Amino acid sequence: MKKEKSAKVIAKSAKNHFEKGKALYKQNDYSAAISSFDEAIRLDPNNAKAYHNRGFVKNFLEQYFEAISDYDEAIRLDPNNAGVYFNRGNTKYTLGHPKDAISDYDKAIRLNPEFVSAYYNRSLAKIRLEQYFESISDLDMVIRLNPNDDQAYNDRGADKAKLGHHDAAISDYDKAIRLNPDFPLAHFNRGLSKRDLGRDAEAKQDFQEALRLAQEAGDEELIATIKKQM
């Protein structure tokens, strides 16, 4: 009886440290958050959520290999959590391993076929591998699940442009701009495709609008890129 009570006390304490860790993360106190997750794990070594959350904080702190170790343990303890595979994939992508990231996104999607962010991030990894057709398929799913995603339309247009399908690309940029008229990159990309089709006057208008919007947003990198094309 006493042992049972002690186990309940330990479990409650582990949960309290876990919740404290989440609260500290939200307060941007990352080191303290990790310490709370450490204590939760010490008290309950099978706490998959504590490993997952500690990995997430370590990733935020750019402790990528340590984050992957925590995600590995979270997956060992709970192999059916799509979110852990997704986050591990993100870390692998950040480390420059798109193939390994795709493998994790695949697992996340198998567990949750409507995981929009996993489709989107898998498309980014495929773009890095120049797998444009495969990236388009993922963006098709993103758009099917979220028809108002202006970024997905823009990115799908960029993939189509890479494949030389500029009319189809312009159609996607048009949709992105209808959803978000203040989207400078979509205006810029549409200008590039129009120029490649010989529609120079229209391209110039898109470049000018893209520059105006980028300047309003203070996006210095995009401003420099647009000016090189004008």
C-alpha atoms as a PDB file:
ATOM      1  CA  MET A   1       0.000   0.000   0.000  1.00  0.00           C
ATOM      2  CA  LYS A   2       2.791   2.371   0.958  1.00  0.00           C
ATOM      3  CA  LYS A   3       4.726   1.502  -2.219  1.00  0.00           C
ATOM      4  CA  GLU A   4       1.605   2.151  -4.329  1.00  0.00           C
ATOM      5  CA  LYS A   5       1.132   5.545  -2.696  1.00  0.00           C
ATOM      6  CA  SER A   6       4.804   6.386  -3.275  1.00  0.00           C
ATOM      7  CA  ALA A   7       4.456   5.512  -6.989  1.00  0.00           C
ATOM      8  CA  LYS A   8       1.455   7.836  -7.296  1.00  0.00           C
ATOM      9  CA  VAL A   9       3.377  10.651  -5.609  1.00  0.00           C
ATOM     10  CA  ILE A  10       6.314  10.174  -7.983  1.00  0.00           C
ATOM     11  CA  ALA A  11       4.007  10.091 -11.014  1.00  0.00           C
ATOM     12  CA  LYS A  12       2.293  13.283  -9.880  1.00  0.00           C
ATOM     13  CA  SER A  13       5.623  14.997  -9.300  1.00  0.00           C
ATOM     14  CA  ALA A  14       6.841  13.934 -12.757  1.00  0.00           C
ATOM     15  CA  LYS A  15       3.684  15.363 -14.313  1.00  0.00           C
ATOM     16  CA  ASN A  16       4.105  18.621 -12.406  1.00  0.00           C
ATOM     17  CA  HIS A  17       7.687  19.008 -13.656  1.00  0.00           C
ATOM     18  CA  PHE A  18       6.527  18.254 -17.196  1.00  0.00           C
ATOM     19  CA  GLU A  19       3.800  20.910 -17.050  1.00  0.00           C
ATOM     20  CA  LYS A  20       6.245  23.355 -15.474  1.00  0.00           C
ATOM     21  CA  GLY A  21       8.670  22.725 -18.337  1.00  0.00           C
ATOM     22  CA  LYS A  22       5.975  23.559 -20.907  1.00  0.00           C
ATOM     23  CA  ALA A  23       5.093  26.752 -19.039  1.00  0.00           C
ATOM     24  CA  LEU A  24       8.744  27.805 -18.818  1.00  0.00           C
ATOM     25  CA  TYR A  25       9.174  27.255 -22.552  1.00  0.00           C
ATOM     26  CA  LYS A  26       6.220  29.557 -23.242  1.00  0.00           C
ATOM     27  CA  GLN A  27       7.914  32.131 -21.008  1.00  0.00           C
ATOM     28  CA  ASN A  28      11.100  31.821 -23.136  1.00  0.00           C
ATOM     29  CA  ASP A  29      13.043  30.431 -20.165  1.00  0.00           C
ATOM     30  CA  TYR A  30      14.574  27.607 -22.173  1.00  0.00           C
ATOM     31  CA  SER A  31      17.323  26.417 -19.836  1.00  0.00           C
ATOM     32  CA  ALA A  32      14.866  26.187 -16.953  1.00  0.00           C
ATOM     33  CA  ALA A  33      12.405  24.362 -19.197  1.00  0.00           C
ATOM     34  CA  ILE A  34      15.037  21.751 -20.049  1.00  0.00           C
ATOM     35  CA  SER A  35      15.846  21.340 -16.345  1.00  0.00           C
ATOM     36  CA  SER A  36      12.162  20.696 -15.592  1.00  0.00           C
ATOM     37  CA  PHE A  37      11.932  18.108 -18.369  1.00  0.00           C
ATOM     38  CA  ASP A  38      15.159  16.543 -17.039  1.00  0.00           C
ATOM     39  CA  GLU A  39      13.504  16.105 -13.658  1.00  0.00           C
ATOM     40  CA  ALA A  40      10.301  14.754 -15.192  1.00  0.00           C
ATOM     41  CA  ILE A  41      12.365  12.143 -17.050  1.00  0.00           C
ATOM     42  CA  ARG A  42      14.407  11.280 -13.952  1.00  0.00           C
ATOM     43  CA  LEU A  43      11.190  10.591 -12.056  1.00  0.00           C
ATOM     44  CA  ASP A  44       9.472   8.870 -14.984  1.00  0.00           C
ATOM     45  CA  PRO A  45      11.987   7.439 -17.499  1.00  0.00           C
ATOM     46  CA  ASN A  46       9.093   6.275 -19.718  1.00  0.00           C
ATOM     47  CA  ASN A  47       7.649   9.750 -20.176  1.00  0.00           C
ATOM     48  CA  ALA A  48       7.676  10.017 -23.983  1.00  0.00           C
ATOM     49  CA  LYS A  49       6.109  13.490 -23.924  1.00  0.00           C
ATOM     50  CA  ALA A  50       8.906  14.828 -21.729  1.00  0.00           C
ATOM     51  CA  TYR A  51      11.538  13.536 -24.164  1.00  0.00           C
ATOM     52  CA  HIS A  52       9.588  15.002 -27.076  1.00  0.00           C
ATOM     53  CA  ASN A  53       9.245  18.421 -25.466  1.00  0.00           C
ATOM     54  CA  ARG A  54      12.850  18.477 -24.292  1.00  0.00           C
ATOM     55  CA  GLY A  55      13.919  17.649 -27.835  1.00  0.00           C
ATOM     56  CA  PHE A  56      11.789  20.486 -29.166  1.00  0.00           C
ATOM     57  CA  VAL A  57      13.435  22.996 -26.811  1.00  0.00           C
ATOM     58  CA  LYS A  58      16.922  21.705 -27.663  1.00  0.00           C
ATOM     59  CA  ASN A  59      16.137  22.072 -31.349  1.00  0.00           C
ATOM     60  CA  PHE A  60      15.062  25.663 -30.704  1.00  0.00           C
ATOM     61  CA  LEU A  61      18.428  26.233 -28.991  1.00  0.00           C
ATOM     62  CA  GLU A  62      20.174  24.734 -32.056  1.00  0.00           C
ATOM     63  CA  GLN A  63      21.304  21.694 -30.062  1.00  0.00           C
ATOM     64  CA  TYR A  64      20.301  19.562 -33.005  1.00  0.00           C
ATOM     65  CA  PHE A  65      22.014  16.257 -32.283  1.00  0.00           C
ATOM     66  CA  GLU A  66      20.820  16.304 -28.673  1.00  0.00           C
ATOM     67  CA  ALA A  67      17.317  17.060 -29.934  1.00  0.00           C
ATOM     68  CA  ILE A  68      17.419  14.050 -32.273  1.00  0.00           C
ATOM     69  CA  SER A  69      18.495  11.816 -29.378  1.00  0.00           C
ATOM     70  CA  ASP A  70      15.460  12.948 -27.404  1.00  0.00           C
ATOM     71  CA  TYR A  71      13.156  12.431 -30.379  1.00  0.00           C
ATOM     72  CA  ASP A  72      14.630   8.932 -30.860  1.00  0.00           C
ATOM     73  CA  GLU A  73      13.793   8.047 -27.272  1.00  0.00           C
ATOM     74  CA  ALA A  74      10.302   9.556 -27.537  1.00  0.00           C
ATOM     75  CA  ILE A  75       9.670   7.417 -30.633  1.00  0.00           C
ATOM     76  CA  ARG A  76      10.994   4.292 -28.916  1.00  0.00           C
ATOM     77  CA  LEU A  77       8.549   4.871 -26.072  1.00  0.00           C
ATOM     78  CA  ASP A  78       5.641   5.975 -28.280  1.00  0.00           C
ATOM     79  CA  PRO A  79       6.112   4.944 -31.930  1.00  0.00           C
ATOM     80  CA  ASN A  80       2.665   6.183 -32.988  1.00  0.00           C
ATOM     81  CA  ASN A  81       3.124   9.906 -32.340  1.00  0.00           C
ATOM     82  CA  ALA A  82       3.155  11.634 -35.733  1.00  0.00           C
ATOM     83  CA  GLY A  83       4.341  14.904 -34.192  1.00  0.00           C
ATOM     84  CA  VAL A  84       7.642  13.432 -32.996  1.00  0.00           C
ATOM     85  CA  TYR A  85       8.506  12.095 -36.464  1.00  0.00           C
ATOM     86  CA  PHE A  86       7.594  15.488 -37.917  1.00  0.00           C
ATOM     87  CA  ASN A  87       9.838  17.379 -35.485  1.00  0.00           C
ATOM     88  CA  ARG A  88      12.709  14.920 -35.954  1.00  0.00           C
ATOM     89  CA  GLY A  89      12.327  15.376 -39.706  1.00  0.00           C
ATOM     90  CA  ASN A  90      12.528  19.148 -39.284  1.00  0.00           C
ATOM     91  CA  THR A  91      15.765  18.826 -37.336  1.00  0.00           C
ATOM     92  CA  LYS A  92      17.280  16.506 -39.942  1.00  0.00           C
ATOM     93  CA  TYR A  93      16.273  18.958 -42.667  1.00  0.00           C
ATOM     94  CA  THR A  94      17.943  21.786 -40.761  1.00  0.00           C
ATOM     95  CA  LEU A  95      21.113  19.677 -40.531  1.00  0.00           C
ATOM     96  CA  GLY A  96      21.105  19.309 -44.324  1.00  0.00           C
ATOM     97  CA  HIS A  97      19.806  15.729 -44.555  1.00  0.00           C
ATOM     98  CA  PRO A  98      16.670  16.028 -46.730  1.00  0.00           C
ATOM     99  CA  LYS A  99      16.460  12.303 -47.550  1.00  0.00           C
ATOM    100  CA  ASP A 100      16.408  11.380 -43.862  1.00  0.00           C
ATOM    101  CA  ALA A 101      13.903  14.162 -43.220  1.00  0.00           C
ATOM    102  CA  ILE A 102      11.613  12.789 -45.943  1.00  0.00           C
ATOM    103  CA  SER A 103      11.687   9.371 -44.277  1.00  0.00           C
ATOM    104  CA  ASP A 104      10.414  10.939 -41.046  1.00  0.00           C
ATOM    105  CA  TYR A 105       7.767  12.993 -42.846  1.00  0.00           C
ATOM    106  CA  ASP A 106       6.629   9.791 -44.568  1.00  0.00           C
ATOM    107  CA  LYS A 107       6.094   8.165 -41.173  1.00  0.00           C
ATOM    108  CA  ALA A 108       4.277  11.209 -39.819  1.00  0.00           C
ATOM    109  CA  ILE A 109       1.924  11.187 -42.809  1.00  0.00           C
ATOM    110  CA  ARG A 110       1.259   7.439 -42.525  1.00  0.00           C
ATOM    111  CA  LEU A 111       0.213   8.017 -38.925  1.00  0.00           C
ATOM    112  CA  ASN A 112      -1.778  11.162 -39.776  1.00  0.00           C
ATOM    113  CA  PRO A 113      -2.809  11.355 -43.462  1.00  0.00           C
ATOM    114  CA  GLU A 114      -4.144  14.898 -42.961  1.00  0.00           C
ATOM    115  CA  PHE A 115      -0.942  16.322 -41.453  1.00  0.00           C
ATOM    116  CA  VAL A 116      -0.743  19.469 -43.591  1.00  0.00           C
ATOM    117  CA  SER A 117       2.597  20.706 -42.241  1.00  0.00           C
ATOM    118  CA  ALA A 118       4.225  17.331 -42.880  1.00  0.00           C
ATOM    119  CA  TYR A 119       3.178  17.437 -46.546  1.00  0.00           C
ATOM    120  CA  TYR A 120       4.427  20.999 -46.833  1.00  0.00           C
ATOM    121  CA  ASN A 121       7.792  20.351 -45.194  1.00  0.00           C
ATOM    122  CA  ARG A 122       8.230  17.144 -47.192  1.00  0.00           C
ATOM    123  CA  SER A 123       7.760  19.240 -50.329  1.00  0.00           C
ATOM    124  CA  LEU A 124      10.572  21.560 -49.170  1.00  0.00           C
ATOM    125  CA  ALA A 125      12.882  18.593 -48.656  1.00  0.00           C
ATOM    126  CA  LYS A 126      12.012  17.283 -52.118  1.00  0.00           C
ATOM    127  CA  ILE A 127      12.736  20.690 -53.641  1.00  0.00           C
ATOM    128  CA  ARG A 128      16.173  20.572 -52.051  1.00  0.00           C
ATOM    129  CA  LEU A 129      16.672  17.258 -53.873  1.00  0.00           C
ATOM    130  CA  GLU A 130      15.293  18.798 -57.107  1.00  0.00           C
ATOM    131  CA  GLN A 131      12.353  16.376 -57.036  1.00  0.00           C
ATOM    132  CA  TYR A 132       9.934  18.950 -58.407  1.00  0.00           C
ATOM    133  CA  PHE A 133       7.174  16.601 -59.586  1.00  0.00           C
ATOM    134  CA  GLU A 134       7.139  14.902 -56.185  1.00  0.00           C
ATOM    135  CA  SER A 135       7.100  18.282 -54.448  1.00  0.00           C
ATOM    136  CA  ILE A 136       4.104  19.329 -56.558  1.00  0.00           C
ATOM    137  CA  SER A 137       2.236  16.199 -55.418  1.00  0.00           C
ATOM    138  CA  ASP A 138       2.792  17.147 -51.793  1.00  0.00           C
ATOM    139  CA  LEU A 139       1.673  20.715 -52.412  1.00  0.00           C
ATOM    140  CA  ASP A 140      -1.427  19.368 -54.169  1.00  0.00           C
ATOM    141  CA  MET A 141      -2.271  17.660 -50.870  1.00  0.00           C
ATOM    142  CA  VAL A 142      -1.565  20.818 -48.866  1.00  0.00           C
ATOM    143  CA  ILE A 143      -3.942  22.770 -51.104  1.00  0.00           C
ATOM    144  CA  ARG A 144      -6.595  20.058 -50.979  1.00  0.00           C
ATOM    145  CA  LEU A 145      -6.474  20.094 -47.189  1.00  0.00           C
ATOM    146  CA  ASN A 146      -6.110  23.879 -46.938  1.00  0.00           C
ATOM    147  CA  PRO A 147      -7.432  25.616 -50.081  1.00  0.00           C
ATOM    148  CA  ASN A 148      -6.549  29.075 -48.740  1.00  0.00           C
ATOM    149  CA  ASP A 149      -2.812  28.456 -48.332  1.00  0.00           C
ATOM    150  CA  ASP A 150      -1.266  31.226 -50.446  1.00  0.00           C
ATOM    151  CA  GLN A 151       2.277  30.003 -49.696  1.00  0.00           C
ATOM    152  CA  ALA A 152       1.490  26.544 -51.077  1.00  0.00           C
ATOM    153  CA  TYR A 153       0.164  28.041 -54.334  1.00  0.00           C
ATOM    154  CA  ASN A 154       3.291  30.180 -54.645  1.00  0.00           C
ATOM    155  CA  ASP A 155       5.605  27.243 -53.981  1.00  0.00           C
ATOM    156  CA  ARG A 156       3.737  24.973 -56.387  1.00  0.00           C
ATOM    157  CA  GLY A 157       4.037  27.698 -59.005  1.00  0.00           C
ATOM    158  CA  ALA A 158       7.782  27.870 -58.388  1.00  0.00           C
ATOM    159  CA  ASP A 159       8.058  24.096 -58.872  1.00  0.00           C
ATOM    160  CA  LYS A 160       6.152  24.303 -62.143  1.00  0.00           C
ATOM    161  CA  ALA A 161       8.386  27.153 -63.294  1.00  0.00           C
ATOM    162  CA  LYS A 162      11.472  25.032 -62.522  1.00  0.00           C
ATOM    163  CA  LEU A 163      10.004  22.421 -64.867  1.00  0.00           C
ATOM    164  CA  GLY A 164       9.435  25.053 -67.557  1.00  0.00           C
ATOM    165  CA  HIS A 165       5.637  25.074 -67.211  1.00  0.00           C
ATOM    166  CA  HIS A 166       5.291  28.837 -66.940  1.00  0.00           C
ATOM    167  CA  ASP A 167       1.620  29.166 -67.888  1.00  0.00           C
ATOM    168  CA  ALA A 168       0.688  26.686 -65.155  1.00  0.00           C
ATOM    169  CA  ALA A 169       3.048  28.471 -62.765  1.00  0.00           C
ATOM    170  CA  ILE A 170       1.377  31.833 -63.482  1.00  0.00           C
ATOM    171  CA  SER A 171      -2.020  30.288 -62.738  1.00  0.00           C
ATOM    172  CA  ASP A 172      -0.755  29.294 -59.268  1.00  0.00           C
ATOM    173  CA  TYR A 173       0.811  32.701 -58.650  1.00  0.00           C
ATOM    174  CA  ASP A 174      -2.507  34.291 -59.636  1.00  0.00           C
ATOM    175  CA  LYS A 175      -4.253  32.184 -56.981  1.00  0.00           C
ATOM    176  CA  ALA A 176      -1.649  33.065 -54.360  1.00  0.00           C
ATOM    177  CA  ILE A 177      -2.093  36.772 -55.110  1.00  0.00           C
ATOM    178  CA  ARG A 178      -5.896  36.547 -55.035  1.00  0.00           C
ATOM    179  CA  LEU A 179      -5.617  35.026 -51.567  1.00  0.00           C
ATOM    180  CA  ASN A 180      -2.962  37.510 -50.462  1.00  0.00           C
ATOM    181  CA  PRO A 181      -2.605  40.619 -52.662  1.00  0.00           C
ATOM    182  CA  ASP A 182       0.302  41.823 -50.487  1.00  0.00           C
ATOM    183  CA  PHE A 183       2.500  38.767 -51.183  1.00  0.00           C
ATOM    184  CA  PRO A 184       5.669  40.254 -52.754  1.00  0.00           C
ATOM    185  CA  LEU A 185       7.335  36.940 -53.604  1.00  0.00           C
ATOM    186  CA  ALA A 186       4.300  35.750 -55.571  1.00  0.00           C
ATOM    187  CA  HIS A 187       4.305  38.980 -57.613  1.00  0.00           C
ATOM    188  CA  PHE A 188       8.045  38.611 -58.206  1.00  0.00           C
ATOM    189  CA  ASN A 189       7.800  34.958 -59.222  1.00  0.00           C
ATOM    190  CA  ARG A 190       4.920  35.708 -61.550  1.00  0.00           C
ATOM    191  CA  GLY A 191       7.056  38.402 -63.138  1.00  0.00           C
ATOM    192  CA  LEU A 192       9.858  35.908 -63.747  1.00  0.00           C
ATOM    193  CA  SER A 193       7.515  33.477 -65.483  1.00  0.00           C
ATOM    194  CA  LYS A 194       5.924  36.230 -67.589  1.00  0.00           C
ATOM    195  CA  ARG A 195       9.361  37.401 -68.671  1.00  0.00           C
ATOM    196  CA  ASP A 196      10.323  33.860 -69.643  1.00  0.00           C
ATOM    197  CA  LEU A 197       7.191  33.803 -71.814  1.00  0.00           C
ATOM    198  CA  GLY A 198       8.186  37.088 -73.470  1.00  0.00           C
ATOM    199  CA  ARG A 199       5.522  39.145 -71.698  1.00  0.00           C
ATOM    200  CA  ASP A 200       8.028  41.801 -70.685  1.00  0.00           C
ATOM    201  CA  ALA A 201       5.644  44.696 -70.014  1.00  0.00           C
ATOM    202  CA  GLU A 202       3.524  42.559 -67.659  1.00  0.00           C
ATOM    203  CA  ALA A 203       6.659  41.222 -66.009  1.00  0.00           C
ATOM    204  CA  LYS A 204       7.852  44.769 -65.335  1.00  0.00           C
ATOM    205  CA  GLN A 205       4.553  45.597 -63.629  1.00  0.00           C
ATOM    206  CA  ASP A 206       4.876  42.534 -61.390  1.00  0.00           C
ATOM    207  CA  PHE A 207       8.455  43.407 -60.500  1.00  0.00           C
ATOM    208  CA  GLN A 208       7.457  46.962 -59.599  1.00  0.00           C
ATOM    209  CA  GLU A 209       4.604  45.747 -57.393  1.00  0.00           C
ATOM    210  CA  ALA A 210       6.848  43.145 -55.777  1.00  0.00           C
ATOM    211  CA  LEU A 211       9.445  45.817 -55.028  1.00  0.00           C
ATOM    212  CA  ARG A 212       6.853  48.156 -53.517  1.00  0.00           C
ATOM    213  CA  LEU A 213       5.503  45.412 -51.251  1.00  0.00           C
ATOM    214  CA  ALA A 214       8.969  44.182 -50.270  1.00  0.00           C
ATOM    215  CA  GLN A 215       9.974  47.718 -49.343  1.00  0.00           C
ATOM    216  CA  GLU A 216       6.830  48.109 -47.229  1.00  0.00           C
ATOM    217  CA  ALA A 217       7.697  44.841 -45.483  1.00  0.00           C
ATOM    218  CA  GLY A 218      11.342  45.816 -45.031  1.00  0.00           C
ATOM    219  CA  ASP A 219      12.526  42.600 -46.695  1.00  0.00           C
ATOM    220  CA  GLU A 220      16.029  43.695 -47.678  1.00  0.00           C
ATOM    221  CA  GLU A 221      17.042  40.349 -49.142  1.00  0.00           C
ATOM    222  CA  LEU A 222      14.030  40.207 -51.454  1.00  0.00           C
ATOM    223  CA  ILE A 223      14.460  43.875 -52.382  1.00  0.00           C
ATOM    224  CA  ALA A 224      18.030  43.163 -53.539  1.00  0.00           C
ATOM    225  CA  THR A 225      16.886  40.106 -55.514  1.00  0.00           C
ATOM    226  CA  ILE A 226      14.096  42.019 -57.261  1.00  0.00           C
ATOM    227  CA  LYS A 227      16.376  44.920 -58.193  1.00  0.00           C
ATOM    228  CA  LYS A 228      18.784  42.511 -59.896  1.00  0.00           C
ATOM    229  CA  GLN A 229      15.968  41.381 -62.172  1.00  0.00           C
ATOM    230  CA  MET A 230      14.615  44.816 -63.084  1.00  0.00           C
END
